[in-house]
Amino acid sequence: MLQHHILQALNKKKGINQKRLAQVARTNESSISRFLHDFEELNFEGILRIVQFLFPSQEHDMLRLIIPKFRSRNARHALDYSIMHRLDQEAEHLITVLKSSTNPVDKEWATIYTLIHKRNLNSLPLLEQLKQIEIFHPREPDMKVLKMVLHAYICFDLHLYPFLSLHSFEVDEKLKQLKSTFMRQSLNVRYSLLMGYYSLNMNDITKARWYYSSILDQAFFKHMLPTVYFYLGQSYLYEDYEQAYYLMSYAAHAFAEAGREDLYHTSQLMLSFLQSYWRVDRDFPFELVSYAEELEYIYYLIQLDQKEQAKSFLTKLDIHHVPSHSKGFVYFYLGLLYGDKEFFYHSVEWFRLTGNYFYCQLPLRELRKMQENRVILRVLSTVRRERLCERNGFGLVTLSSKNPLGVSKG
């Protein structure tokens, strides 16, 4: 039992007693004593704070010992935690518990988290998700906010981008009113990840950084920090090499320590792109076993002025079979190789077609150097907000081809 492990930790660690645990859990000593010795229920936030304090590297294992025992409010918050951390078995158990409850609030939570769980498992079509969320009318404040956040995610996946900002002010205001610190942080992390990503794609750097920075002090979700640092690092691509490199290197190191090879590889690709952009001398770190690695190698060669070798790699690419989210990069590289502004205009066209306004700055910067008409370039820089870049490949580099509402990608 979790209580047994906590008592063992108290016996082993000097200076830590029930009074200290009460401070950590933000409750009183008598509540801690009843939880440890009489097995009375402590609120989920308090338990989570204690586990993160005593067992930072064993958080999931320790919580798995007590999650099956939760009912009602604790079960609801544990369900949200399980979804966010992709503890699928625990989530399914808690959904069953809440569905069988006679409490209408429990049933309300079970309904929406069943939808989120199916979404994370890719077992429900997007239009069906939208239909279900539209007919869901929660009464509980937490669920009203979650409905708006989930609606935003579904609209994002359906490319209904004007709807993303529709409720942004309302979401921000309602988040401040939530009583539970845990749920307030959880919903803020979800919403800020989505809106930060959207803002970065729209090349609204200030807003993107604001959303991502709002996640940094969310104590219950430190596992998301590598993801946040990864995207923050991208936002500095054009203006500050040291800052971008520091943030993305931190993310890559954290992904490697967590055993997330896929995320580590993606962050390494982005670091290489950053170094190529700033013409940093280094050995190429990849073995050219993927399309993304080949594209990055071409850029690497261009920045080393090994243009003939870069051209030989590019000639192997059939532009008609290049994914649309990568065509902007291919034409950008062609422009760099041949100094032909038409290639840069094609690059701008493809970046705009896929809504990738962040990387659209690459060819636009080259066209400015070529002293192209400023009015035309200003028009081309204007965001068409009905579109957004595809969320995979080397577009705006993403950490996953999915964008689940339950996020544990960090």
Protein backbone atom coordinates (compact mmCIF):
# COMPACT_ATOMS: atom_id res chain seq x y z
CA MET A 1 0.00 0.00 0.00
CA LEU A 2 1.09 3.56 -0.64
CA GLN A 3 0.82 4.45 3.04
CA HIS A 4 3.35 1.71 3.89
CA HIS A 5 5.89 3.16 1.44
CA ILE A 6 5.36 6.67 2.83
CA LEU A 7 5.92 5.48 6.41
CA GLN A 8 9.08 3.68 5.32
CA ALA A 9 10.32 6.86 3.67
CA LEU A 10 9.62 8.85 6.84
CA ASN A 11 11.74 6.40 8.84
CA LYS A 12 14.65 6.62 6.38
CA LYS A 13 14.76 10.32 5.56
CA LYS A 14 16.03 12.67 8.24
CA GLY A 15 14.16 15.89 8.79
CA ILE A 16 10.96 14.65 7.17
CA ASN A 17 8.01 13.95 9.45
CA GLN A 18 4.23 14.13 9.38
CA LYS A 19 4.36 17.88 10.02
CA ARG A 20 6.52 18.34 6.93
CA LEU A 21 4.19 16.13 4.88
CA ALA A 22 1.24 18.23 6.03
CA GLN A 23 3.03 21.32 4.72
CA VAL A 24 3.77 19.59 1.41
CA ALA A 25 0.17 18.38 1.04
CA ARG A 26 -1.20 21.75 2.21
CA THR A 27 -3.34 20.20 4.92
CA ASN A 28 -3.03 19.59 8.67
CA GLU A 29 -1.13 16.97 10.63
CA SER A 30 -4.26 15.18 11.84
CA SER A 31 -5.39 14.60 8.24
CA ILE A 32 -1.96 13.17 7.39
CA SER A 33 -2.06 10.93 10.47
CA ARG A 34 -5.52 9.61 9.64
CA PHE A 35 -4.44 8.98 6.04
CA LEU A 36 -1.29 7.08 7.06
CA HIS A 37 -2.55 5.14 10.05
CA ASP A 38 -6.33 4.90 9.74
CA PHE A 39 -6.38 4.80 5.92
CA GLU A 40 -8.83 7.67 5.71
CA GLU A 41 -8.96 9.32 2.30
CA LEU A 42 -6.81 12.36 1.63
CA ASN A 43 -7.59 14.61 -1.33
CA PHE A 44 -5.86 13.65 -4.57
CA GLU A 45 -3.90 16.90 -4.79
CA GLY A 46 -2.39 16.26 -1.38
CA ILE A 47 -1.49 12.67 -2.23
CA LEU A 48 0.09 13.74 -5.50
CA ARG A 49 2.16 16.43 -3.79
CA ILE A 50 3.43 13.89 -1.25
CA VAL A 51 4.31 11.33 -3.92
CA GLN A 52 6.13 13.92 -6.02
CA PHE A 53 7.99 15.08 -2.92
CA LEU A 54 9.04 11.66 -1.60
CA PHE A 55 9.21 9.55 -4.78
CA PRO A 56 9.93 11.87 -7.74
CA SER A 57 11.31 9.05 -9.89
CA GLN A 58 8.58 6.57 -8.95
CA GLU A 59 5.53 8.77 -9.29
CA HIS A 60 3.49 6.50 -11.56
CA ASP A 61 4.32 3.30 -9.68
CA MET A 62 3.38 4.80 -6.33
CA LEU A 63 0.11 6.27 -7.55
CA ARG A 64 -0.85 2.97 -9.15
CA LEU A 65 -0.92 1.51 -5.61
CA ILE A 66 -3.77 3.79 -4.55
CA ILE A 67 -5.62 4.83 -7.70
CA PRO A 68 -7.88 1.71 -7.72
CA LYS A 69 -9.16 2.67 -4.26
CA PHE A 70 -10.36 6.14 -5.24
CA ARG A 71 -14.02 7.04 -5.45
CA SER A 72 -15.99 10.18 -6.33
CA ARG A 73 -13.91 13.41 -6.35
CA ASN A 74 -10.56 11.67 -5.91
CA ALA A 75 -11.48 9.22 -8.66
CA ARG A 76 -12.35 12.12 -10.97
CA HIS A 77 -9.04 13.88 -10.42
CA ALA A 78 -7.11 10.59 -10.63
CA LEU A 79 -8.86 9.93 -13.94
CA ASP A 80 -7.68 13.24 -15.32
CA TYR A 81 -4.15 12.45 -14.12
CA SER A 82 -4.27 9.00 -15.72
CA ILE A 83 -5.42 10.44 -19.03
CA MET A 84 -2.72 13.13 -18.99
CA HIS A 85 -0.01 10.57 -18.21
CA ARG A 86 -1.42 7.90 -20.53
CA LEU A 87 -1.98 5.38 -17.76
CA ASP A 88 -4.56 3.60 -19.90
CA GLN A 89 -5.47 0.70 -17.59
CA GLU A 90 -5.99 3.03 -14.64
CA ALA A 91 -8.05 5.39 -16.81
CA GLU A 92 -10.32 2.59 -18.01
CA HIS A 93 -10.83 1.37 -14.43
CA LEU A 94 -11.72 4.84 -13.16
CA ILE A 95 -14.12 5.48 -16.05
CA THR A 96 -15.93 2.27 -15.07
CA VAL A 97 -16.04 3.36 -11.43
CA LEU A 98 -17.49 6.76 -12.28
CA LYS A 99 -20.00 5.35 -14.76
CA SER A 100 -21.40 3.06 -12.08
CA SER A 101 -21.71 5.89 -9.56
CA THR A 102 -25.09 7.34 -8.62
CA ASN A 103 -23.53 10.82 -8.45
CA PRO A 104 -24.50 12.77 -11.61
CA VAL A 105 -21.20 14.69 -11.50
CA ASP A 106 -19.27 11.40 -11.59
CA LYS A 107 -21.30 10.28 -14.61
CA GLU A 108 -20.64 13.61 -16.32
CA TRP A 109 -16.88 13.15 -15.93
CA ALA A 110 -17.11 9.55 -17.13
CA THR A 111 -18.90 10.67 -20.29
CA ILE A 112 -16.35 13.22 -21.45
CA TYR A 113 -13.29 11.22 -20.40
CA THR A 114 -14.61 8.21 -22.30
CA LEU A 115 -14.58 10.43 -25.39
CA ILE A 116 -11.05 11.67 -24.62
CA HIS A 117 -9.81 8.12 -24.00
CA LYS A 118 -11.22 6.95 -27.33
CA ARG A 119 -9.65 9.98 -28.98
CA ASN A 120 -6.24 9.12 -27.55
CA LEU A 121 -6.60 5.56 -28.82
CA ASN A 122 -7.65 6.82 -32.29
CA SER A 123 -10.79 4.71 -32.07
CA LEU A 124 -13.34 7.42 -32.89
CA PRO A 125 -13.61 9.46 -36.13
CA LEU A 126 -13.13 13.20 -35.76
CA LEU A 127 -16.62 14.10 -36.98
CA GLU A 128 -18.12 11.72 -34.43
CA GLN A 129 -15.98 13.36 -31.74
CA LEU A 130 -17.32 16.76 -32.78
CA LYS A 131 -20.88 15.47 -32.74
CA GLN A 132 -20.50 13.99 -29.26
CA ILE A 133 -18.90 17.09 -27.78
CA GLU A 134 -21.60 19.33 -29.28
CA ILE A 135 -24.41 17.39 -27.60
CA PHE A 136 -22.56 17.21 -24.27
CA HIS A 137 -23.93 19.84 -21.87
CA PRO A 138 -22.06 19.64 -18.56
CA ARG A 139 -23.12 21.44 -15.40
CA GLU A 140 -19.91 21.07 -13.41
CA PRO A 141 -17.46 24.03 -13.87
CA ASP A 142 -14.39 21.87 -14.56
CA MET A 143 -16.24 20.00 -17.28
CA LYS A 144 -17.54 23.18 -18.88
CA VAL A 145 -13.94 24.31 -19.37
CA LEU A 146 -12.83 20.85 -20.50
CA LYS A 147 -15.60 20.81 -23.11
CA MET A 148 -14.29 24.08 -24.58
CA VAL A 149 -10.72 22.80 -24.58
CA LEU A 150 -11.70 19.51 -26.20
CA HIS A 151 -13.78 21.36 -28.78
CA ALA A 152 -10.68 23.44 -29.65
CA TYR A 153 -8.57 20.31 -30.13
CA ILE A 154 -11.15 18.68 -32.38
CA CYS A 155 -11.50 21.86 -34.46
CA PHE A 156 -7.72 21.95 -34.76
CA ASP A 157 -7.65 18.40 -36.12
CA LEU A 158 -10.51 19.18 -38.51
CA HIS A 159 -8.68 22.32 -39.76
CA LEU A 160 -11.49 24.55 -38.48
CA TYR A 161 -8.96 27.09 -37.35
CA PRO A 162 -11.17 30.18 -36.93
CA PHE A 163 -12.87 28.36 -34.04
CA LEU A 164 -9.60 28.02 -32.10
CA SER A 165 -9.64 31.58 -30.88
CA LEU A 166 -13.41 31.75 -30.53
CA HIS A 167 -13.47 30.90 -26.82
CA SER A 168 -9.89 31.80 -25.84
CA PHE A 169 -10.83 34.71 -23.58
CA GLU A 170 -13.68 32.74 -22.00
CA VAL A 171 -11.39 29.76 -21.36
CA ASP A 172 -8.77 31.97 -19.73
CA GLU A 173 -11.36 33.59 -17.47
CA LYS A 174 -13.08 30.36 -16.48
CA LEU A 175 -9.73 28.69 -15.72
CA LYS A 176 -9.04 31.35 -13.09
CA GLN A 177 -12.34 30.53 -11.37
CA LEU A 178 -11.74 26.81 -10.89
CA LYS A 179 -11.34 25.85 -7.24
CA SER A 180 -9.07 22.84 -7.72
CA THR A 181 -5.43 23.77 -8.27
CA PHE A 182 -4.84 20.41 -9.92
CA MET A 183 -7.64 20.78 -12.46
CA ARG A 184 -6.79 24.41 -13.11
CA GLN A 185 -3.22 23.42 -13.96
CA SER A 186 -4.27 20.38 -15.97
CA LEU A 187 -6.68 22.31 -18.17
CA ASN A 188 -4.26 25.21 -18.55
CA VAL A 189 -1.50 22.85 -19.72
CA ARG A 190 -3.81 21.28 -22.31
CA TYR A 191 -5.09 24.57 -23.66
CA SER A 192 -1.74 26.38 -23.60
CA LEU A 193 -0.01 23.56 -25.49
CA LEU A 194 -2.58 23.78 -28.26
CA MET A 195 -2.71 27.57 -28.47
CA GLY A 196 1.07 27.89 -28.19
CA TYR A 197 1.48 25.51 -31.11
CA TYR A 198 -1.19 27.27 -33.14
CA SER A 199 0.34 30.69 -32.43
CA LEU A 200 3.80 29.49 -33.43
CA ASN A 201 2.43 28.18 -36.72
CA MET A 202 0.79 31.55 -37.29
CA ASN A 203 4.20 33.15 -36.63
CA ASP A 204 2.76 35.00 -33.63
CA ILE A 205 5.92 34.49 -31.60
CA THR A 206 4.96 36.70 -28.66
CA LYS A 207 1.68 34.91 -28.09
CA ALA A 208 3.27 31.47 -28.55
CA ARG A 209 5.88 32.23 -25.89
CA TRP A 210 3.21 33.58 -23.58
CA TYR A 211 1.21 30.35 -23.80
CA TYR A 212 4.23 28.09 -23.41
CA SER A 213 5.65 30.13 -20.53
CA SER A 214 2.35 29.79 -18.67
CA ILE A 215 3.05 26.05 -18.40
CA LEU A 216 6.50 26.38 -16.83
CA ASP A 217 5.28 26.90 -13.27
CA GLN A 218 2.60 24.19 -13.30
CA ALA A 219 3.96 22.06 -10.44
CA PHE A 220 1.80 19.00 -11.14
CA PHE A 221 2.95 18.67 -14.76
CA LYS A 222 6.72 18.95 -14.76
CA HIS A 223 6.84 16.03 -17.20
CA MET A 224 5.65 18.48 -19.87
CA LEU A 225 8.66 20.79 -19.48
CA PRO A 226 10.81 19.13 -22.19
CA THR A 227 7.99 19.57 -24.70
CA VAL A 228 7.55 23.21 -23.71
CA TYR A 229 11.28 23.90 -23.95
CA PHE A 230 11.38 22.23 -27.36
CA TYR A 231 8.75 24.58 -28.79
CA LEU A 232 10.14 27.63 -27.00
CA GLY A 233 13.50 26.79 -28.54
CA GLN A 234 11.94 26.74 -32.00
CA SER A 235 10.52 30.19 -31.43
CA TYR A 236 14.07 31.60 -31.15
CA LEU A 237 15.25 30.04 -34.43
CA TYR A 238 15.64 33.33 -36.31
CA GLU A 239 16.75 35.65 -33.54
CA ASP A 240 18.92 33.96 -30.89
CA TYR A 241 21.04 30.90 -31.60
CA GLU A 242 22.30 30.48 -28.02
CA GLN A 243 18.81 30.63 -26.52
CA ALA A 244 17.34 28.28 -29.11
CA TYR A 245 20.19 25.80 -28.72
CA TYR A 246 20.01 25.86 -24.92
CA LEU A 247 16.27 25.22 -24.80
CA MET A 248 16.22 22.49 -27.43
CA SER A 249 19.32 20.80 -26.01
CA TYR A 250 17.61 20.64 -22.63
CA ALA A 251 14.57 19.07 -24.28
CA ALA A 252 16.69 16.53 -26.19
CA HIS A 253 18.57 15.53 -23.03
CA ALA A 254 15.32 15.12 -21.08
CA PHE A 255 13.77 13.00 -23.85
CA ALA A 256 16.85 10.78 -23.92
CA GLU A 257 16.75 10.31 -20.13
CA ALA A 258 13.07 9.40 -20.33
CA GLY A 259 13.78 6.78 -23.00
CA ARG A 260 11.73 8.65 -25.61
CA GLU A 261 13.85 7.83 -28.65
CA ASP A 262 11.28 9.20 -31.09
CA LEU A 263 11.15 12.59 -29.39
CA TYR A 264 14.92 12.62 -28.90
CA HIS A 265 15.44 12.03 -32.63
CA THR A 266 12.98 14.78 -33.56
CA SER A 267 14.67 17.26 -31.25
CA GLN A 268 18.09 16.30 -32.64
CA LEU A 269 16.81 16.95 -36.16
CA MET A 270 15.61 20.37 -35.09
CA LEU A 271 18.95 21.12 -33.42
CA SER A 272 20.73 20.21 -36.64
CA PHE A 273 18.40 22.49 -38.63
CA LEU A 274 19.13 25.30 -36.15
CA GLN A 275 22.88 24.80 -36.56
CA SER A 276 22.58 24.75 -40.34
CA TYR A 277 20.56 27.96 -40.30
CA TRP A 278 23.25 29.68 -38.21
CA ARG A 279 26.09 28.02 -40.20
CA VAL A 280 27.58 26.27 -37.17
CA ASP A 281 30.49 24.03 -38.14
CA ARG A 282 29.96 20.43 -36.98
CA ASP A 283 29.80 16.84 -38.20
CA PHE A 284 26.45 15.64 -39.53
CA PRO A 285 24.92 13.46 -36.77
CA PHE A 286 22.57 11.21 -38.80
CA GLU A 287 22.91 8.16 -41.04
CA LEU A 288 20.41 9.24 -43.73
CA VAL A 289 17.93 6.46 -43.06
CA SER A 290 14.84 8.66 -43.23
CA TYR A 291 13.36 11.28 -45.53
CA ALA A 292 13.65 13.98 -42.83
CA GLU A 293 17.35 13.18 -42.34
CA GLU A 294 18.00 13.47 -46.09
CA LEU A 295 16.27 16.85 -46.23
CA GLU A 296 18.31 18.11 -43.31
CA TYR A 297 21.50 16.76 -44.91
CA ILE A 298 20.80 18.82 -48.04
CA TYR A 299 20.52 21.97 -45.92
CA TYR A 300 23.70 20.98 -44.06
CA LEU A 301 25.61 20.67 -47.35
CA ILE A 302 24.25 23.97 -48.67
CA GLN A 303 25.41 25.84 -45.58
CA LEU A 304 28.86 24.24 -45.98
CA ASP A 305 28.93 25.52 -49.59
CA GLN A 306 29.07 21.94 -50.86
CA LYS A 307 26.46 22.81 -53.44
CA GLU A 308 27.26 20.21 -56.07
CA GLN A 309 26.78 17.40 -53.56
CA ALA A 310 23.59 19.03 -52.34
CA LYS A 311 22.32 19.25 -55.93
CA SER A 312 22.97 15.54 -56.46
CA PHE A 313 20.82 14.71 -53.44
CA LEU A 314 18.05 17.05 -54.56
CA THR A 315 17.95 15.59 -58.06
CA LYS A 316 17.01 12.24 -56.51
CA LEU A 317 13.81 13.79 -55.17
CA ASP A 318 10.72 13.63 -57.35
CA ILE A 319 8.99 16.90 -56.44
CA HIS A 320 5.61 15.39 -57.34
CA HIS A 321 6.04 12.75 -54.64
CA VAL A 322 7.37 15.10 -51.97
CA PRO A 323 4.76 15.55 -49.19
CA SER A 324 3.08 18.94 -49.34
CA HIS A 325 4.39 19.92 -45.91
CA SER A 326 7.97 19.47 -47.18
CA LYS A 327 7.70 21.13 -50.59
CA GLY A 328 8.30 24.57 -49.10
CA PHE A 329 11.67 23.36 -47.82
CA VAL A 330 12.62 21.71 -51.12
CA TYR A 331 11.95 24.88 -53.11
CA PHE A 332 13.75 26.93 -50.45
CA TYR A 333 16.84 24.73 -50.86
CA LEU A 334 16.59 25.00 -54.64
CA GLY A 335 16.52 28.78 -54.28
CA LEU A 336 19.65 28.71 -52.13
CA LEU A 337 21.42 26.43 -54.60
CA TYR A 338 20.57 28.30 -57.81
CA GLY A 339 19.97 31.83 -56.55
CA ASP A 340 16.68 31.90 -58.46
CA LYS A 341 13.96 33.98 -56.85
CA GLU A 342 11.28 31.91 -58.59
CA PHE A 343 12.19 28.98 -56.36
CA PHE A 344 11.81 31.19 -53.30
CA TYR A 345 8.37 32.32 -54.49
CA HIS A 346 7.38 28.67 -54.97
CA SER A 347 8.64 28.00 -51.44
CA VAL A 348 6.49 30.84 -50.09
CA GLU A 349 3.52 29.47 -52.01
CA TRP A 350 3.84 26.01 -50.49
CA PHE A 351 4.47 27.26 -46.99
CA ARG A 352 1.35 29.42 -47.27
CA LEU A 353 -0.72 26.61 -48.80
CA THR A 354 0.11 24.40 -45.82
CA GLY A 355 -0.31 27.31 -43.41
CA ASN A 356 3.32 27.13 -42.25
CA TYR A 357 3.84 30.84 -41.63
CA PHE A 358 6.72 30.29 -39.22
CA TYR A 359 8.97 28.62 -41.80
CA CYS A 360 7.55 30.83 -44.56
CA GLN A 361 9.96 33.39 -43.13
CA LEU A 362 12.88 31.41 -44.62
CA PRO A 363 12.22 32.24 -48.31
CA LEU A 364 10.82 35.67 -47.45
CA ARG A 365 14.10 36.62 -45.78
CA GLU A 366 16.01 35.57 -48.89
CA LEU A 367 13.66 37.57 -51.12
CA ARG A 368 14.25 40.65 -48.97
CA LYS A 369 17.99 40.18 -49.43
CA MET A 370 17.32 40.13 -53.18
CA GLN A 371 15.49 43.46 -52.72
CA GLU A 372 12.17 42.20 -54.01
CA ASN A 373 9.16 44.52 -53.89
CA ARG A 374 8.44 45.29 -50.23
CA VAL A 375 4.69 45.62 -50.74
CA ILE A 376 4.49 42.17 -52.35
CA LEU A 377 6.58 40.63 -49.57
CA ARG A 378 4.41 42.29 -46.94
CA VAL A 379 1.31 40.79 -48.55
CA LEU A 380 2.96 37.37 -48.70
CA SER A 381 3.79 37.67 -44.99
CA THR A 382 0.13 38.19 -44.12
CA VAL A 383 -1.36 35.21 -42.37
CA ARG A 384 -4.36 33.52 -43.93
CA ARG A 385 -5.84 32.34 -40.67
CA GLU A 386 -8.16 29.79 -42.18
CA ARG A 387 -5.19 27.48 -42.75
CA LEU A 388 -2.55 25.89 -40.57
CA CYS A 389 0.40 23.70 -41.37
CA GLU A 390 0.11 19.95 -41.36
CA ARG A 391 1.18 18.47 -38.06
CA ASN A 392 3.72 15.97 -39.19
CA GLY A 393 6.94 15.62 -41.15
CA PHE A 394 9.44 18.45 -40.93
CA GLY A 395 6.83 21.20 -41.26
CA LEU A 396 6.78 23.11 -38.02
CA VAL A 397 8.66 20.35 -36.27
CA THR A 398 6.22 18.53 -34.03
CA LEU A 399 6.81 15.94 -31.38
CA SER A 400 4.01 13.70 -32.53
CA SER A 401 1.74 13.23 -35.51
CA LYS A 402 -1.10 13.19 -32.98
CA ASN A 403 -2.20 16.05 -30.79
CA PRO A 404 -4.12 14.23 -28.05
CA LEU A 405 -6.02 15.99 -25.34
CA GLY A 406 -4.36 13.73 -22.81
CA VAL A 407 -0.73 14.71 -23.16
CA SER A 408 2.21 12.76 -21.81
CA LYS A 409 4.59 13.31 -24.67
CA GLY A 410 7.07 15.12 -22.46
